[in-house]
Amino acid sequence: ISVAMFSRNLIILAIFSPHSVRSAVFPLLAMASIAAGWAYRERKKSKDMQVDGKLPLASPVSLKKVLTFAALFLGIQIVGTLAQRIFGSAGLQVISLLGGLVSSAGTTAAAADLVLHGKILASEAGMATVLTSIASLLVDLLIVSRQIRDKRVIRDLSIASLLQTVVGIAVLFLQTKVFRLL
């Protein structure tokens, strides 16, 4: 799930604000690499395990979902602009974290749109994308932990999520403060 989410957010950022990718690509790739490595490791360990049952899936596209996404996008756009005006970059980053609790895709698109309209810097949108992705990762962990009762699986997912979060923040910090790449 995490690899797909990190990739999707990077693609959204690349489509709407290509210059912002530079500040998001290394943290997102680092987190996606950890997630993919962890998934590969777990798959190798559970090769003999049989999975019974079917996963009921609904259509990912519906009018309600599209309207909800549009409302969320607009809300993040308004709140993000106000937070950025009042509190500067820190305000936008806090809103990005909060937006990631609901929709990291919507938050990423909103941040990229703010760059398009000249309201924030490309590097701020990249940072917002990384932070919203981390928030979404942690929300996904909470959702999964409520569905799965196996403590070992929850422990392993928690460790993987914590590792992804720490590495993502560390890479973001290194590129902004140590190497000054942004």
C-alpha atoms as a PDB file:
ATOM      1  CA  ILE A   1       0.000   0.000   0.000  1.00  0.00           C
ATOM      2  CA  SER A   2       2.741   2.448   0.967  1.00  0.00           C
ATOM      3  CA  VAL A   3       4.757   2.012  -2.229  1.00  0.00           C
ATOM      4  CA  ALA A   4       1.672   2.748  -4.328  1.00  0.00           C
ATOM      5  CA  MET A   5       0.766   5.784  -2.220  1.00  0.00           C
ATOM      6  CA  PHE A   6       4.294   7.233  -2.332  1.00  0.00           C
ATOM      7  CA  SER A   7       4.420   6.674  -6.101  1.00  0.00           C
ATOM      8  CA  ARG A   8       0.960   8.160  -6.660  1.00  0.00           C
ATOM      9  CA  ASN A   9       1.814  11.285  -4.675  1.00  0.00           C
ATOM     10  CA  LEU A  10       5.067  11.737  -6.571  1.00  0.00           C
ATOM     11  CA  ILE A  11       3.229  11.361  -9.892  1.00  0.00           C
ATOM     12  CA  ILE A  12       0.568  13.903  -8.843  1.00  0.00           C
ATOM     13  CA  LEU A  13       3.324  16.311  -7.866  1.00  0.00           C
ATOM     14  CA  ALA A  14       5.163  15.714 -11.164  1.00  0.00           C
ATOM     15  CA  ILE A  15       2.029  16.355 -13.209  1.00  0.00           C
ATOM     16  CA  PHE A  16       0.978  19.580 -11.503  1.00  0.00           C
ATOM     17  CA  SER A  17       4.299  20.988 -10.291  1.00  0.00           C
ATOM     18  CA  PRO A  18       7.318  19.327 -11.926  1.00  0.00           C
ATOM     19  CA  HIS A  19       9.791  21.631 -10.158  1.00  0.00           C
ATOM     20  CA  SER A  20       8.495  20.402  -6.787  1.00  0.00           C
ATOM     21  CA  VAL A  21       9.544  16.823  -7.487  1.00  0.00           C
ATOM     22  CA  ARG A  22      13.166  17.677  -6.752  1.00  0.00           C
ATOM     23  CA  SER A  23      12.420  18.248  -3.074  1.00  0.00           C
ATOM     24  CA  ALA A  24      10.150  15.213  -2.645  1.00  0.00           C
ATOM     25  CA  VAL A  25      11.759  12.505  -4.746  1.00  0.00           C
ATOM     26  CA  PHE A  26      14.559  11.373  -2.420  1.00  0.00           C
ATOM     27  CA  PRO A  27      12.491  11.082   0.780  1.00  0.00           C
ATOM     28  CA  LEU A  28       9.621   9.366  -1.058  1.00  0.00           C
ATOM     29  CA  LEU A  29      11.961   6.968  -2.874  1.00  0.00           C
ATOM     30  CA  ALA A  30      13.723   6.141   0.391  1.00  0.00           C
ATOM     31  CA  MET A  31      10.405   5.410   2.118  1.00  0.00           C
ATOM     32  CA  ALA A  32       9.112   3.413  -0.887  1.00  0.00           C
ATOM     33  CA  SER A  33      12.337   1.362  -0.964  1.00  0.00           C
ATOM     34  CA  ILE A  34      11.939   0.452   2.683  1.00  0.00           C
ATOM     35  CA  ALA A  35       8.283  -0.454   2.164  1.00  0.00           C
ATOM     36  CA  ALA A  36       9.089  -2.591  -0.889  1.00  0.00           C
ATOM     37  CA  GLY A  37      11.987  -4.295   0.866  1.00  0.00           C
ATOM     38  CA  TRP A  38       9.865  -5.013   3.895  1.00  0.00           C
ATOM     39  CA  ALA A  39       7.037  -6.404   1.750  1.00  0.00           C
ATOM     40  CA  TYR A  40       9.487  -8.622  -0.145  1.00  0.00           C
ATOM     41  CA  ARG A  41      10.954  -9.889   3.126  1.00  0.00           C
ATOM     42  CA  GLU A  42       7.496 -10.666   4.516  1.00  0.00           C
ATOM     43  CA  ARG A  43       6.415 -12.367   1.310  1.00  0.00           C
ATOM     44  CA  LYS A  44       9.473 -14.631   1.397  1.00  0.00           C
ATOM     45  CA  LYS A  45       8.752 -15.532   5.034  1.00  0.00           C
ATOM     46  CA  SER A  46       5.112 -16.375   4.322  1.00  0.00           C
ATOM     47  CA  LYS A  47       5.504 -18.232   1.026  1.00  0.00           C
ATOM     48  CA  ASP A  48       3.932 -21.377   2.447  1.00  0.00           C
ATOM     49  CA  MET A  49       0.964 -19.578   3.967  1.00  0.00           C
ATOM     50  CA  GLN A  50      -2.403 -20.190   2.330  1.00  0.00           C
ATOM     51  CA  VAL A  51      -4.890 -17.331   2.122  1.00  0.00           C
ATOM     52  CA  ASP A  52      -8.561 -18.213   2.018  1.00  0.00           C
ATOM     53  CA  GLY A  53     -11.424 -15.951   1.147  1.00  0.00           C
ATOM     54  CA  LYS A  54     -12.062 -13.186  -1.271  1.00  0.00           C
ATOM     55  CA  LEU A  55     -11.540  -9.499  -0.867  1.00  0.00           C
ATOM     56  CA  PRO A  56     -14.709  -7.589  -1.735  1.00  0.00           C
ATOM     57  CA  LEU A  57     -13.766  -4.491  -3.702  1.00  0.00           C
ATOM     58  CA  ALA A  58     -16.021  -1.622  -4.654  1.00  0.00           C
ATOM     59  CA  SER A  59     -15.519   0.703  -7.573  1.00  0.00           C
ATOM     60  CA  PRO A  60     -12.823   3.288  -6.774  1.00  0.00           C
ATOM     61  CA  VAL A  61     -14.724   5.910  -8.781  1.00  0.00           C
ATOM     62  CA  SER A  62     -18.129   7.188  -7.748  1.00  0.00           C
ATOM     63  CA  LEU A  63     -19.821  10.569  -7.807  1.00  0.00           C
ATOM     64  CA  LYS A  64     -19.718  10.747  -4.012  1.00  0.00           C
ATOM     65  CA  LYS A  65     -15.962  10.030  -3.936  1.00  0.00           C
ATOM     66  CA  VAL A  66     -15.242  12.557  -6.680  1.00  0.00           C
ATOM     67  CA  LEU A  67     -17.274  15.270  -4.919  1.00  0.00           C
ATOM     68  CA  THR A  68     -15.633  14.451  -1.585  1.00  0.00           C
ATOM     69  CA  PHE A  69     -12.193  14.704  -3.181  1.00  0.00           C
ATOM     70  CA  ALA A  70     -13.130  18.029  -4.809  1.00  0.00           C
ATOM     71  CA  ALA A  71     -14.407  19.441  -1.510  1.00  0.00           C
ATOM     72  CA  LEU A  72     -11.308  18.251   0.303  1.00  0.00           C
ATOM     73  CA  PHE A  73      -9.064  19.727  -2.391  1.00  0.00           C
ATOM     74  CA  LEU A  74     -10.835  23.077  -2.154  1.00  0.00           C
ATOM     75  CA  GLY A  75     -10.755  23.029   1.656  1.00  0.00           C
ATOM     76  CA  ILE A  76      -7.051  22.250   1.794  1.00  0.00           C
ATOM     77  CA  GLN A  77      -6.432  24.917  -0.836  1.00  0.00           C
ATOM     78  CA  ILE A  78      -8.197  27.576   1.246  1.00  0.00           C
ATOM     79  CA  VAL A  79      -6.819  26.527   4.629  1.00  0.00           C
ATOM     80  CA  GLY A  80      -3.328  25.973   3.195  1.00  0.00           C
ATOM     81  CA  THR A  81      -3.272  29.444   1.642  1.00  0.00           C
ATOM     82  CA  LEU A  82      -4.454  31.073   4.871  1.00  0.00           C
ATOM     83  CA  ALA A  83      -2.007  29.093   6.998  1.00  0.00           C
ATOM     84  CA  GLN A  84       0.837  29.983   4.653  1.00  0.00           C
ATOM     85  CA  ARG A  85      -0.076  33.676   4.736  1.00  0.00           C
ATOM     86  CA  ILE A  86      -0.380  33.799   8.518  1.00  0.00           C
ATOM     87  CA  PHE A  87       2.316  31.362   9.637  1.00  0.00           C
ATOM     88  CA  GLY A  88       4.526  31.045   6.568  1.00  0.00           C
ATOM     89  CA  SER A  89       5.936  27.729   5.444  1.00  0.00           C
ATOM     90  CA  ALA A  90       5.402  26.159   8.883  1.00  0.00           C
ATOM     91  CA  GLY A  91       1.669  26.787   8.620  1.00  0.00           C
ATOM     92  CA  LEU A  92       1.493  25.070   5.257  1.00  0.00           C
ATOM     93  CA  GLN A  93       3.447  22.072   6.541  1.00  0.00           C
ATOM     94  CA  VAL A  94       1.115  21.661   9.542  1.00  0.00           C
ATOM     95  CA  ILE A  95      -1.885  21.763   7.212  1.00  0.00           C
ATOM     96  CA  SER A  96      -0.147  19.171   5.017  1.00  0.00           C
ATOM     97  CA  LEU A  97       0.233  16.841   7.983  1.00  0.00           C
ATOM     98  CA  LEU A  98      -3.417  17.298   8.887  1.00  0.00           C
ATOM     99  CA  GLY A  99      -4.496  16.875   5.271  1.00  0.00           C
ATOM    100  CA  GLY A 100      -2.616  13.590   5.108  1.00  0.00           C
ATOM    101  CA  LEU A 101      -4.892  12.259   7.826  1.00  0.00           C
ATOM    102  CA  VAL A 102      -7.722  12.486   5.293  1.00  0.00           C
ATOM    103  CA  SER A 103      -6.200  12.388   1.790  1.00  0.00           C
ATOM    104  CA  SER A 104      -2.540  12.616   0.909  1.00  0.00           C
ATOM    105  CA  ALA A 105      -3.449  12.719  -2.793  1.00  0.00           C
ATOM    106  CA  GLY A 106      -5.737  15.717  -2.285  1.00  0.00           C
ATOM    107  CA  THR A 107      -3.179  17.467  -0.117  1.00  0.00           C
ATOM    108  CA  THR A 108      -0.411  16.835  -2.648  1.00  0.00           C
ATOM    109  CA  ALA A 109      -2.578  18.161  -5.486  1.00  0.00           C
ATOM    110  CA  ALA A 110      -3.507  21.239  -3.436  1.00  0.00           C
ATOM    111  CA  ALA A 111       0.141  21.984  -2.616  1.00  0.00           C
ATOM    112  CA  ALA A 112       1.115  21.585  -6.267  1.00  0.00           C
ATOM    113  CA  ASP A 113      -1.717  23.914  -7.284  1.00  0.00           C
ATOM    114  CA  LEU A 114      -0.493  26.531  -4.818  1.00  0.00           C
ATOM    115  CA  VAL A 115       2.866  26.435  -6.613  1.00  0.00           C
ATOM    116  CA  LEU A 116       1.114  26.853  -9.975  1.00  0.00           C
ATOM    117  CA  HIS A 117      -0.565  30.005  -8.673  1.00  0.00           C
ATOM    118  CA  GLY A 118       2.668  31.377  -7.215  1.00  0.00           C
ATOM    119  CA  LYS A 119       1.493  31.209  -3.603  1.00  0.00           C
ATOM    120  CA  ILE A 120       4.236  28.891  -2.334  1.00  0.00           C
ATOM    121  CA  LEU A 121       7.674  27.746  -3.450  1.00  0.00           C
ATOM    122  CA  ALA A 122       8.178  24.447  -5.270  1.00  0.00           C
ATOM    123  CA  SER A 123      10.353  23.206  -2.404  1.00  0.00           C
ATOM    124  CA  GLU A 124       7.514  23.861   0.055  1.00  0.00           C
ATOM    125  CA  ALA A 125       5.132  21.760  -2.036  1.00  0.00           C
ATOM    126  CA  GLY A 126       7.698  18.954  -2.148  1.00  0.00           C
ATOM    127  CA  MET A 127       8.092  19.063   1.609  1.00  0.00           C
ATOM    128  CA  ALA A 128       4.303  19.152   2.019  1.00  0.00           C
ATOM    129  CA  THR A 129       4.036  16.037  -0.157  1.00  0.00           C
ATOM    130  CA  VAL A 130       6.529  14.148   1.998  1.00  0.00           C
ATOM    131  CA  LEU A 131       4.805  15.177   5.235  1.00  0.00           C
ATOM    132  CA  THR A 132       1.309  14.382   3.978  1.00  0.00           C
ATOM    133  CA  SER A 133       2.558  10.987   2.776  1.00  0.00           C
ATOM    134  CA  ILE A 134       3.961  10.243   6.233  1.00  0.00           C
ATOM    135  CA  ALA A 135       0.680  11.217   7.890  1.00  0.00           C
ATOM    136  CA  SER A 136      -1.230   9.002   5.469  1.00  0.00           C
ATOM    137  CA  LEU A 137       1.154   6.109   6.143  1.00  0.00           C
ATOM    138  CA  LEU A 138       0.421   6.350   9.867  1.00  0.00           C
ATOM    139  CA  VAL A 139      -3.342   6.554   9.293  1.00  0.00           C
ATOM    140  CA  ASP A 140      -3.144   3.441   7.106  1.00  0.00           C
ATOM    141  CA  LEU A 141      -1.344   1.667   9.937  1.00  0.00           C
ATOM    142  CA  LEU A 142      -4.167   2.549  12.348  1.00  0.00           C
ATOM    143  CA  ILE A 143      -6.814   1.350   9.889  1.00  0.00           C
ATOM    144  CA  VAL A 144      -5.026  -1.942   9.272  1.00  0.00           C
ATOM    145  CA  SER A 145      -4.385  -2.515  12.967  1.00  0.00           C
ATOM    146  CA  ARG A 146      -8.122  -2.313  13.638  1.00  0.00           C
ATOM    147  CA  GLN A 147      -8.836  -4.946  10.993  1.00  0.00           C
ATOM    148  CA  ILE A 148      -6.067  -7.426  11.768  1.00  0.00           C
ATOM    149  CA  ARG A 149      -5.899  -9.132  15.141  1.00  0.00           C
ATOM    150  CA  ASP A 150      -2.528 -10.843  14.722  1.00  0.00           C
ATOM    151  CA  LYS A 151      -0.147  -9.049  17.092  1.00  0.00           C
ATOM    152  CA  ARG A 152       2.942 -10.178  15.199  1.00  0.00           C
ATOM    153  CA  VAL A 153       1.640  -8.693  11.962  1.00  0.00           C
ATOM    154  CA  ILE A 154       0.718  -5.429  13.699  1.00  0.00           C
ATOM    155  CA  ARG A 155       4.146  -5.277  15.352  1.00  0.00           C
ATOM    156  CA  ASP A 156       5.915  -5.860  12.032  1.00  0.00           C
ATOM    157  CA  LEU A 157       3.774  -3.262  10.245  1.00  0.00           C
ATOM    158  CA  SER A 158       4.401  -0.778  13.052  1.00  0.00           C
ATOM    159  CA  ILE A 159       8.153  -1.286  12.820  1.00  0.00           C
ATOM    160  CA  ALA A 160       8.068  -0.925   9.030  1.00  0.00           C
ATOM    161  CA  SER A 161       5.945   2.240   9.258  1.00  0.00           C
ATOM    162  CA  LEU A 162       8.154   3.749  11.946  1.00  0.00           C
ATOM    163  CA  LEU A 163      11.253   2.970   9.897  1.00  0.00           C
ATOM    164  CA  GLN A 164       9.719   4.551   6.784  1.00  0.00           C
ATOM    165  CA  THR A 165       8.739   7.643   8.776  1.00  0.00           C
ATOM    166  CA  VAL A 166      12.151   8.077  10.398  1.00  0.00           C
ATOM    167  CA  VAL A 167      14.004   7.564   7.118  1.00  0.00           C
ATOM    168  CA  GLY A 168      11.682   9.931   5.243  1.00  0.00           C
ATOM    169  CA  ILE A 169      12.150  12.679   7.820  1.00  0.00           C
ATOM    170  CA  ALA A 170      15.905  12.047   7.986  1.00  0.00           C
ATOM    171  CA  VAL A 171      16.318  12.276   4.202  1.00  0.00           C
ATOM    172  CA  LEU A 172      14.153  15.414   4.105  1.00  0.00           C
ATOM    173  CA  PHE A 173      16.245  16.949   6.889  1.00  0.00           C
ATOM    174  CA  LEU A 174      19.538  15.989   5.258  1.00  0.00           C
ATOM    175  CA  GLN A 175      18.612  17.439   1.891  1.00  0.00           C
ATOM    176  CA  THR A 176      17.289  20.699   3.353  1.00  0.00           C
ATOM    177  CA  LYS A 177      19.688  21.370   6.220  1.00  0.00           C
ATOM    178  CA  VAL A 178      22.894  19.476   5.546  1.00  0.00           C
ATOM    179  CA  PHE A 179      23.191  19.359   1.763  1.00  0.00           C
ATOM    180  CA  ARG A 180      20.949  22.388   1.150  1.00  0.00           C
ATOM    181  CA  LEU A 181      19.517  20.834  -1.981  1.00  0.00           C
ATOM    182  CA  LEU A 182      16.308  22.844  -1.839  1.00  0.00           C
END
